[in-house]
Protein backbone atom coordinates (compact mmCIF):
# COMPACT_ATOMS: atom_id res chain seq x y z
CA MET A 1 -23.35 -16.71 -9.56
CA GLN A 2 -25.67 -17.00 -6.62
CA ASP A 3 -28.05 -14.20 -5.67
CA THR A 4 -26.22 -13.78 -2.35
CA GLU A 5 -22.85 -13.14 -4.02
CA PRO A 6 -21.87 -9.58 -4.93
CA ASP A 7 -21.56 -8.66 -8.60
CA THR A 8 -18.24 -6.88 -8.18
CA PHE A 9 -15.04 -7.98 -6.50
CA VAL A 10 -12.54 -5.56 -5.01
CA LEU A 11 -8.95 -6.60 -5.73
CA GLN A 12 -6.74 -6.07 -2.70
CA THR A 13 -3.09 -6.68 -1.98
CA TRP A 14 -2.07 -8.72 1.09
CA PRO A 15 -1.21 -5.59 3.11
CA GLU A 16 -4.63 -4.10 2.31
CA LYS A 17 -6.35 -7.32 3.42
CA PHE A 18 -4.42 -7.42 6.70
CA SER A 19 -5.05 -3.72 7.28
CA ASP A 20 -8.81 -4.31 6.90
CA MET A 21 -8.63 -7.27 9.32
CA LEU A 22 -6.78 -5.16 11.88
CA LYS A 23 -9.33 -2.36 11.47
CA GLU A 24 -12.11 -4.82 12.43
CA ILE A 25 -10.45 -5.41 15.82
CA GLY A 26 -9.74 -1.73 16.42
CA ILE A 27 -6.09 -1.45 15.33
CA GLU A 28 -5.31 1.41 12.99
CA SER A 29 -2.81 0.62 10.23
CA GLU A 30 -1.81 1.70 6.75
CA ALA A 31 -0.83 -0.61 3.88
CA LYS A 32 2.40 0.33 2.10
CA GLU A 33 3.45 -0.46 -1.42
CA ILE A 34 5.67 -3.54 -1.82
CA GLY A 35 9.39 -2.79 -1.69
CA THR A 36 9.13 0.77 -0.38
CA ASP A 37 10.08 0.20 3.29
CA ASP A 38 13.62 -0.29 4.66
CA LEU A 39 12.29 -3.26 6.64
CA GLU A 40 11.85 -5.20 3.39
CA LYS A 41 15.44 -4.81 2.18
CA GLY A 42 17.21 -7.13 4.65
CA ASP A 43 17.49 -10.94 4.86
CA TYR A 44 14.48 -12.71 6.34
CA TYR A 45 16.21 -15.80 7.74
CA SER A 46 19.72 -16.88 8.58
CA ARG A 47 21.34 -19.19 6.05
CA ILE A 48 23.43 -20.92 8.75
CA PHE A 49 20.73 -23.28 10.04
CA ALA A 50 19.50 -26.23 7.97
CA HIS A 51 15.78 -25.84 8.76
CA THR A 52 15.41 -22.28 7.51
CA ALA A 53 13.61 -21.71 4.26
CA ARG A 54 15.57 -20.76 1.14
CA MET A 55 12.66 -19.36 -0.85
CA ILE A 56 10.97 -16.35 0.75
CA THR A 57 8.48 -14.06 -0.97
CA ASN A 58 7.88 -10.54 0.28
CA ARG A 59 4.15 -9.75 0.31
CA GLY A 60 4.36 -6.20 1.63
CA CYS A 61 4.42 -4.11 4.78
CA LEU A 62 2.01 -2.34 7.14
CA ASP A 63 2.58 0.74 9.28
CA VAL A 64 0.79 0.34 12.61
CA LYS A 65 -0.38 3.55 14.31
CA ASN A 66 -0.80 4.26 18.04
CA SER A 67 1.05 1.09 19.07
CA ASN A 68 4.43 -0.10 20.32
CA ILE A 69 4.76 -1.96 17.02
CA ASP A 70 6.00 0.31 14.22
CA ALA A 71 5.65 -1.98 11.21
CA ILE A 72 4.57 -5.48 10.21
CA GLN A 73 6.14 -7.29 7.25
CA ILE A 74 4.15 -9.99 5.48
CA ILE A 75 6.31 -12.78 4.05
CA GLN A 76 5.53 -16.14 2.47
CA LYS A 77 7.77 -19.12 3.17
CA GLY A 78 8.18 -21.98 0.79
C-alpha cells in the first residue's frame, strides 16, 4: 500500500454510498436495509416491450428528508 492510502476500509452498501454522496451536496437522506420498503416489492419494468431488461437486481432504497421526493430505489440493469 502507498503511504497516502488509508489502512482501513469502511464497507458500505450502495444505499449508504448514495446517502453519503447526497449529504455532500446538502440533501438529507437515510439508507434503508434491502427488501424492507414497499417500493422494492413491485415490478421494475414492463415485460410487454422488447427493449426492457429481464434481469434486474435490487440494490436498496433511500428515504429522502425535507424534499418532494419520498424515496429513491437503486436498481441494477443487466
